[in-house]
N, C-alpha and C. Protein backbone atom coordinates (compact mmCIF):
# COMPACT_ATOMS: atom_id res chain seq x y z
N UNK A 1 8.07 -9.28 -12.41
CA UNK A 1 7.66 -7.46 -12.52
C UNK A 1 6.08 -7.15 -12.87
N UNK A 2 5.67 -7.91 -13.82
CA UNK A 2 4.20 -7.72 -14.57
C UNK A 2 3.16 -8.47 -13.69
N UNK A 3 3.66 -9.30 -12.68
CA UNK A 3 2.66 -9.87 -11.84
C UNK A 3 2.76 -8.51 -10.48
N UNK A 4 3.66 -7.69 -10.37
CA UNK A 4 3.53 -6.72 -9.32
C UNK A 4 2.68 -5.39 -9.94
N UNK A 5 2.86 -5.25 -10.92
CA UNK A 5 2.03 -4.08 -11.54
C UNK A 5 0.30 -4.45 -11.72
N UNK A 6 0.33 -5.86 -11.96
CA UNK A 6 -1.04 -6.28 -12.05
C UNK A 6 -1.39 -6.27 -10.53
N UNK A 7 -1.12 -6.80 -9.54
CA UNK A 7 -1.31 -6.24 -8.28
C UNK A 7 -1.46 -5.21 -7.90
N UNK A 8 -0.92 -3.90 -8.36
CA UNK A 8 -0.91 -2.76 -7.61
C UNK A 8 -2.19 -2.17 -8.56
N UNK A 9 -2.62 -2.60 -9.63
CA UNK A 9 -3.92 -2.20 -10.46
C UNK A 9 -5.21 -2.92 -9.56
N UNK A 10 -4.93 -3.71 -8.87
CA UNK A 10 -6.25 -4.39 -8.07
C UNK A 10 -6.18 -3.75 -6.86
N UNK A 11 -5.06 -3.41 -6.31
CA UNK A 11 -5.04 -2.75 -5.10
C UNK A 11 -5.56 -1.30 -5.53
N UNK A 12 -5.01 -0.55 -6.43
CA UNK A 12 -5.94 0.80 -6.88
C UNK A 12 -6.94 0.55 -6.94
N UNK A 13 -7.89 -0.37 -7.57
CA UNK A 13 -9.21 -0.51 -7.64
C UNK A 13 -9.68 -0.72 -6.44
N UNK A 14 -9.04 -1.64 -5.46
CA UNK A 14 -9.72 -1.62 -4.14
C UNK A 14 -10.07 -0.61 -3.31
N UNK A 15 -8.45 0.17 -3.44
CA UNK A 15 -8.73 1.77 -2.74
C UNK A 15 -9.71 2.67 -3.30
N UNK A 16 -9.83 2.60 -4.34
CA UNK A 16 -11.08 3.70 -4.93
C UNK A 16 -12.23 3.43 -4.40
N UNK A 17 -12.67 2.12 -4.77
CA UNK A 17 -13.97 1.73 -3.94
C UNK A 17 -13.92 1.51 -2.62
N UNK A 18 -13.19 1.41 -1.77
CA UNK A 18 -13.21 1.57 -0.19
C UNK A 18 -13.27 2.97 -0.07
N UNK A 19 -12.62 3.81 -0.72
CA UNK A 19 -13.00 5.52 -0.58
C UNK A 19 -14.51 5.68 -0.44
N UNK A 20 -14.81 5.21 -1.50
CA UNK A 20 -16.28 5.59 -1.75
C UNK A 20 -16.96 4.89 -0.86
N UNK A 21 -16.90 3.66 -0.60
CA UNK A 21 -18.06 2.70 0.45
C UNK A 21 -17.42 3.24 1.86
N UNK A 22 -16.54 3.85 2.38
CA UNK A 22 -16.22 3.93 3.84
C UNK A 22 -16.79 5.38 3.90
N UNK A 23 -16.76 6.32 2.71
CA UNK A 23 -17.08 7.91 2.64
C UNK A 23 -18.58 7.82 2.94
N UNK A 24 -19.29 6.97 2.36
CA UNK A 24 -20.99 6.18 2.33
C UNK A 24 -21.38 5.57 3.59
N UNK A 25 -20.44 4.94 4.37
CA UNK A 25 -20.52 4.35 5.52
C UNK A 25 -20.50 5.84 6.71
N UNK A 26 -19.45 6.54 6.61
CA UNK A 26 -19.45 7.36 7.60
C UNK A 26 -20.66 8.73 7.32
N UNK A 27 -20.73 8.94 6.12
CA UNK A 27 -22.06 9.70 5.87
C UNK A 27 -23.39 9.08 6.29
N UNK A 28 -23.60 7.78 6.45
CA UNK A 28 -24.80 7.58 7.23
C UNK A 28 -24.76 7.18 9.16
N UNK A 29 -23.36 6.87 9.22
CA UNK A 29 -23.30 6.57 10.68
C UNK A 29 -23.68 7.98 11.60
N UNK A 30 -23.09 9.29 10.81
CA UNK A 30 -23.00 10.64 11.34
C UNK A 30 -24.47 11.29 11.03
N UNK A 31 -25.30 10.70 10.36
CA UNK A 31 -26.54 11.47 10.09
C UNK A 31 -26.74 12.20 9.17
N UNK A 32 -25.75 12.17 8.16
CA UNK A 32 -25.52 13.03 6.73
C UNK A 32 -27.28 12.81 6.51
N UNK A 33 -27.99 14.14 6.40
CA UNK A 33 -29.51 13.95 5.81
C UNK A 33 -29.50 13.04 4.16
N UNK A 34 -28.74 13.96 3.59
CA UNK A 34 -28.64 13.26 2.04
C UNK A 34 -28.67 11.73 2.12
N UNK A 35 -27.70 11.10 2.99
CA UNK A 35 -27.34 9.77 3.02
C UNK A 35 -28.66 8.98 3.43
N UNK A 36 -29.11 9.47 4.66
CA UNK A 36 -30.64 9.18 5.30
C UNK A 36 -31.83 9.05 4.31
N UNK A 37 -31.88 10.16 3.66
CA UNK A 37 -32.89 10.52 2.80
C UNK A 37 -33.52 9.22 1.85
N UNK A 38 -32.76 8.46 1.24
CA UNK A 38 -33.27 7.09 0.66
C UNK A 38 -33.75 6.07 1.61
N UNK A 39 -33.35 6.10 2.62
CA UNK A 39 -33.93 5.09 3.37
C UNK A 39 -35.46 5.54 3.92
N UNK A 40 -35.41 6.90 4.13
CA UNK A 40 -36.78 7.36 4.99
C UNK A 40 -37.93 7.42 3.73
N UNK A 41 -37.40 7.79 2.65
CA UNK A 41 -38.09 7.82 1.63
C UNK A 41 -38.90 6.55 1.27
N UNK A 42 -38.12 5.28 1.02
CA UNK A 42 -38.60 3.79 1.18
C UNK A 42 -39.05 3.21 2.12
N UNK A 43 -39.25 4.20 3.53
CA UNK A 43 -40.03 3.55 4.58
C UNK A 43 -39.22 2.46 5.45
N UNK A 44 -37.59 2.41 4.97
CA UNK A 44 -36.96 1.28 5.66
C UNK A 44 -36.83 1.76 6.84
N UNK A 45 -36.79 0.64 8.22
CA UNK A 45 -36.33 0.98 9.46
C UNK A 45 -35.08 1.51 9.72
N UNK A 46 -35.01 2.65 10.86
CA UNK A 46 -33.88 3.07 10.90
C UNK A 46 -32.61 2.51 10.97
N UNK A 47 -32.48 1.08 11.75
CA UNK A 47 -31.55 0.13 11.71
C UNK A 47 -30.97 -0.35 10.29
N UNK A 48 -31.68 -0.07 9.34
CA UNK A 48 -31.03 -0.49 7.80
C UNK A 48 -30.17 0.51 7.69
N UNK A 49 -30.19 1.78 8.18
CA UNK A 49 -29.01 2.51 7.77
C UNK A 49 -27.72 2.12 8.11
N UNK A 50 -27.67 1.72 9.68
CA UNK A 50 -26.46 1.33 10.21
C UNK A 50 -26.05 -0.04 9.85
N UNK A 51 -27.00 -1.12 9.66
CA UNK A 51 -26.54 -2.27 9.08
C UNK A 51 -25.88 -2.02 7.42
N UNK A 52 -26.28 -1.16 6.87
CA UNK A 52 -25.69 -0.96 5.70
C UNK A 52 -24.44 -0.36 5.63
N UNK A 53 -24.00 0.45 6.76
CA UNK A 53 -22.72 1.03 6.87
C UNK A 53 -22.03 0.12 7.13
N UNK A 54 -22.44 -0.68 8.20
CA UNK A 54 -21.48 -1.93 8.75
C UNK A 54 -20.92 -2.56 7.31
N UNK A 55 -21.83 -3.14 6.52
CA UNK A 55 -21.96 -3.94 5.21
C UNK A 55 -20.54 -3.15 4.59
N UNK A 56 -20.69 -1.82 4.38
CA UNK A 56 -19.75 -0.99 3.66
C UNK A 56 -18.57 -0.88 4.23
N UNK A 57 -18.42 -0.70 5.76
CA UNK A 57 -17.12 -0.73 6.34
C UNK A 57 -16.36 -2.33 6.00
N UNK A 58 -17.08 -3.49 6.56
CA UNK A 58 -16.66 -4.61 6.65
C UNK A 58 -16.07 -5.07 5.02
N UNK A 59 -17.08 -4.96 3.90
CA UNK A 59 -16.74 -5.05 2.72
C UNK A 59 -15.26 -4.39 2.29
N UNK A 60 -15.44 -3.17 2.40
CA UNK A 60 -14.10 -2.14 2.24
C UNK A 60 -12.78 -2.85 2.97
N UNK A 61 -12.84 -3.55 3.93
CA UNK A 61 -11.63 -4.11 4.59
C UNK A 61 -11.24 -4.94 4.00
N UNK A 62 -12.30 -6.00 3.79
CA UNK A 62 -12.11 -7.31 3.11
C UNK A 62 -11.75 -7.38 1.50
N UNK A 63 -11.96 -6.16 1.08
CA UNK A 63 -11.13 -5.84 -0.40
C UNK A 63 -9.60 -5.85 -0.04
N UNK A 64 -9.18 -5.60 0.79
CA UNK A 64 -7.56 -5.55 1.12
C UNK A 64 -6.89 -6.85 1.61
N UNK A 65 -7.76 -7.88 1.70
CA UNK A 65 -7.50 -8.67 2.33
C UNK A 65 -7.60 -9.96 1.42
N UNK A 66 -6.57 -10.56 0.54
CA UNK A 66 -6.85 -11.27 -0.71
C UNK A 66 -7.80 -12.43 -0.50
N UNK A 67 -7.52 -12.88 1.01
CA UNK A 67 -8.40 -14.30 1.18
C UNK A 67 -9.88 -13.83 1.28
N UNK A 68 -10.43 -12.70 1.66
CA UNK A 68 -11.67 -12.32 1.79
C UNK A 68 -11.70 -11.23 0.69
N UNK A 69 -11.20 -10.69 -0.22
CA UNK A 69 -11.92 -10.00 -1.28
C UNK A 69 -13.06 -10.37 -2.03
N UNK A 70 -13.05 -11.92 -2.49
CA UNK A 70 -14.17 -12.22 -3.32
C UNK A 70 -15.37 -11.85 -2.17
N UNK A 71 -15.39 -12.54 -0.79
CA UNK A 71 -16.30 -12.10 -0.27
C UNK A 71 -16.88 -10.62 0.22
N UNK A 72 -15.72 -9.90 0.44
CA UNK A 72 -15.93 -8.19 0.40
C UNK A 72 -16.43 -7.91 -0.56
N UNK A 73 -16.26 -8.33 -1.92
CA UNK A 73 -16.62 -7.74 -3.10
C UNK A 73 -17.96 -8.11 -3.47
N UNK A 74 -18.52 -9.30 -3.02
CA UNK A 74 -19.84 -9.54 -3.17
C UNK A 74 -20.53 -9.09 -2.01
N UNK A 75 -19.93 -8.91 -0.77
CA UNK A 75 -21.11 -8.11 -0.28
C UNK A 75 -21.37 -6.48 -0.44
N UNK A 76 -20.32 -5.82 -0.98
CA UNK A 76 -20.41 -4.60 -1.58
C UNK A 76 -21.38 -4.22 -2.83
N UNK A 77 -21.23 -5.42 -3.84
CA UNK A 77 -22.21 -5.65 -4.60
C UNK A 77 -23.85 -5.80 -4.46
N UNK A 78 -23.93 -6.56 -3.38
CA UNK A 78 -25.13 -6.59 -2.62
C UNK A 78 -25.96 -5.52 -2.26
N UNK A 79 -24.75 -4.82 -1.61
CA UNK A 79 -25.03 -3.15 -0.94
C UNK A 79 -25.63 -2.36 -2.22
N UNK A 80 -24.87 -2.38 -3.30
CA UNK A 80 -25.19 -1.80 -4.57
C UNK A 80 -26.43 -2.22 -5.41
N UNK A 81 -26.68 -3.46 -5.36
CA UNK A 81 -27.91 -3.69 -5.84
C UNK A 81 -29.30 -3.09 -5.21
N UNK A 82 -28.87 -3.17 -3.53
CA UNK A 82 -29.91 -2.75 -2.53
C UNK A 82 -30.24 -1.31 -2.99
N UNK A 83 -29.22 -0.56 -3.06
CA UNK A 83 -29.04 0.56 -3.57
C UNK A 83 -29.93 0.84 -4.79
N UNK A 84 -29.49 0.48 -5.95
CA UNK A 84 -30.22 0.49 -7.19
C UNK A 84 -31.51 0.35 -7.19
N UNK A 85 -32.05 -0.89 -6.44
CA UNK A 85 -33.48 -0.93 -6.11
C UNK A 85 -34.16 -0.02 -5.23
N UNK A 86 -33.59 0.36 -4.33
CA UNK A 86 -34.08 1.77 -3.53
C UNK A 86 -34.33 2.85 -4.53
N UNK A 87 -33.04 3.18 -5.05
CA UNK A 87 -33.35 4.44 -6.28
C UNK A 87 -34.13 4.48 -7.00
N UNK A 88 -34.47 3.18 -7.85
CA UNK A 88 -35.12 3.07 -8.80
C UNK A 88 -36.90 3.12 -7.82
N UNK A 89 -37.12 2.23 -6.80
CA UNK A 89 -38.29 2.52 -6.02
C UNK A 89 -38.60 4.13 -5.70
N UNK A 90 -37.70 4.84 -5.50
CA UNK A 90 -37.77 6.09 -4.89
C UNK A 90 -37.84 7.14 -6.06
N UNK A 91 -37.69 6.60 -7.38
CA UNK A 91 -38.00 7.62 -8.45
C UNK A 91 -36.56 8.41 -8.50
N UNK A 92 -35.61 7.90 -8.18
CA UNK A 92 -34.39 8.31 -8.14
C UNK A 92 -33.30 7.73 -9.11
N UNK A 93 -33.85 7.11 -10.20
CA UNK A 93 -33.19 6.74 -11.38
C UNK A 93 -32.14 7.08 -11.51
N UNK A 94 -31.80 8.47 -11.65
CA UNK A 94 -30.62 9.06 -12.19
C UNK A 94 -29.23 8.51 -11.32
N UNK A 95 -29.53 8.00 -10.04
CA UNK A 95 -28.43 7.74 -9.25
C UNK A 95 -27.87 6.32 -9.42
N UNK A 96 -28.66 5.42 -10.55
CA UNK A 96 -28.67 4.23 -10.33
C UNK A 96 -27.07 4.05 -11.38
N UNK A 97 -26.98 4.37 -12.37
CA UNK A 97 -25.47 4.48 -12.79
C UNK A 97 -24.38 4.29 -12.12
N UNK A 98 -24.34 5.09 -10.82
CA UNK A 98 -23.39 5.09 -9.74
C UNK A 98 -23.66 3.92 -9.20
N UNK A 99 -24.54 3.22 -8.69
CA UNK A 99 -24.89 2.20 -8.30
C UNK A 99 -23.97 0.87 -9.00
N UNK A 100 -24.47 0.93 -10.16
CA UNK A 100 -23.95 0.11 -11.32
C UNK A 100 -22.35 0.09 -11.37
N UNK A 101 -22.01 1.59 -11.62
CA UNK A 101 -20.57 1.42 -11.53
C UNK A 101 -19.73 0.91 -10.51
N UNK A 102 -20.27 1.28 -9.22
CA UNK A 102 -19.72 0.67 -8.09
C UNK A 102 -19.69 -0.44 -7.48
N UNK A 103 -20.95 -1.34 -8.09
CA UNK A 103 -21.50 -2.51 -7.84
C UNK A 103 -20.46 -3.59 -8.83
N UNK A 104 -20.23 -3.14 -10.13
CA UNK A 104 -19.50 -3.57 -11.28
C UNK A 104 -17.78 -3.89 -10.59
N UNK A 105 -17.44 -2.60 -10.17
CA UNK A 105 -15.88 -2.55 -9.70
C UNK A 105 -15.99 -3.52 -8.40
N UNK A 106 -16.82 -3.85 -7.55
CA UNK A 106 -17.00 -4.71 -6.32
C UNK A 106 -16.77 -6.38 -7.13
N UNK A 107 -18.11 -6.35 -8.14
CA UNK A 107 -17.73 -7.73 -8.51
C UNK A 107 -16.38 -8.08 -9.43
N UNK A 108 -15.93 -7.18 -10.13
CA UNK A 108 -14.53 -7.30 -10.73
C UNK A 108 -13.60 -7.91 -9.68
N UNK A 109 -13.63 -6.90 -8.48
CA UNK A 109 -12.67 -7.09 -7.56
C UNK A 109 -13.18 -8.89 -6.98
N UNK A 110 -14.49 -9.03 -6.65
CA UNK A 110 -14.71 -10.49 -6.26
C UNK A 110 -14.17 -12.01 -7.32
N UNK A 111 -14.45 -11.37 -8.46
CA UNK A 111 -13.93 -12.37 -9.16
C UNK A 111 -12.28 -12.53 -9.32
N UNK A 112 -11.86 -11.43 -9.09
CA UNK A 112 -10.21 -11.37 -9.17
C UNK A 112 -9.92 -12.26 -7.92
N UNK A 113 -10.31 -12.18 -6.77
CA UNK A 113 -9.95 -12.78 -5.22
C UNK A 113 -10.84 -13.96 -5.31
N UNK A 114 -11.16 -14.64 -6.36
CA UNK A 114 -11.64 -16.08 -6.33
C UNK A 114 -10.64 -16.98 -6.24
N UNK A 115 -9.23 -16.70 -6.76
CA UNK A 115 -8.21 -17.89 -6.66
C UNK A 115 -7.87 -17.96 -5.25
N UNK A 116 -7.92 -16.98 -4.31
CA UNK A 116 -7.64 -17.41 -3.19
C UNK A 116 -8.46 -17.94 -2.08
N UNK A 117 -10.07 -17.55 -2.71
CA UNK A 117 -10.97 -18.54 -1.83
C UNK A 117 -10.96 -19.81 -2.34
N UNK A 118 -10.54 -20.26 -3.59
CA UNK A 118 -10.36 -21.23 -3.88
C UNK A 118 -8.92 -21.96 -3.10
N UNK A 119 -8.08 -21.24 -3.26
CA UNK A 119 -6.88 -21.77 -2.38
C UNK A 119 -7.19 -22.43 -0.87
N UNK A 120 -7.93 -21.65 -0.12
CA UNK A 120 -8.52 -21.94 1.02
C UNK A 120 -9.19 -22.99 0.82
N UNK A 121 -9.85 -23.47 0.25
CA UNK A 121 -11.10 -24.86 0.30
C UNK A 121 -9.93 -25.75 -0.44
N UNK A 122 -9.02 -25.73 -0.76
CA UNK A 122 -8.05 -26.57 -1.06
C UNK A 122 -7.47 -27.08 -0.26
N UNK A 123 -6.94 -26.27 0.61
CA UNK A 123 -6.16 -26.52 1.92
C UNK A 123 -4.78 -26.72 1.67
N UNK A 124 -3.99 -26.82 0.32
CA UNK A 124 -2.78 -26.96 0.46
C UNK A 124 -2.03 -25.64 0.12
N UNK A 125 -2.66 -24.34 0.01
CA UNK A 125 -2.08 -23.11 0.07
C UNK A 125 -1.24 -22.69 -1.57
N UNK A 126 -1.84 -23.88 -2.49
CA UNK A 126 -1.32 -23.34 -3.94
C UNK A 126 -2.62 -23.36 -4.66
N UNK A 127 -1.93 -22.44 -5.58
CA UNK A 127 -3.12 -21.60 -6.65
C UNK A 127 -3.70 -22.99 -7.41
N UNK A 128 -4.78 -23.04 -7.73
CA UNK A 128 -5.43 -24.03 -8.77
C UNK A 128 -4.70 -23.85 -10.19
């Protein structure tokens, strides 16, 4: 029973993070000016907007697949690290706390999923 509750906590964290990342990805794809502005201010090429959106979508889906949770969490943490650097460079440091919060949540899920990643490498299907 306790394991089920803990699994629900991880699932809830994945759902909250996925909500924010999918929403941000959609805003980029539909061309929301607020979502595009940081890329434009940094002088980044236009295709980086779509690449970032793809990373946000793929990482969000991966959070729900235990075997890929670590990779998804690391991908999303990488996106947040890039966002934090971009915000600092653009002089928008007030947004960095959001980047740190979301990135930390992604890293927590990456850490939580490590057992599944290790299970796959062992090949016997049993946890270490």
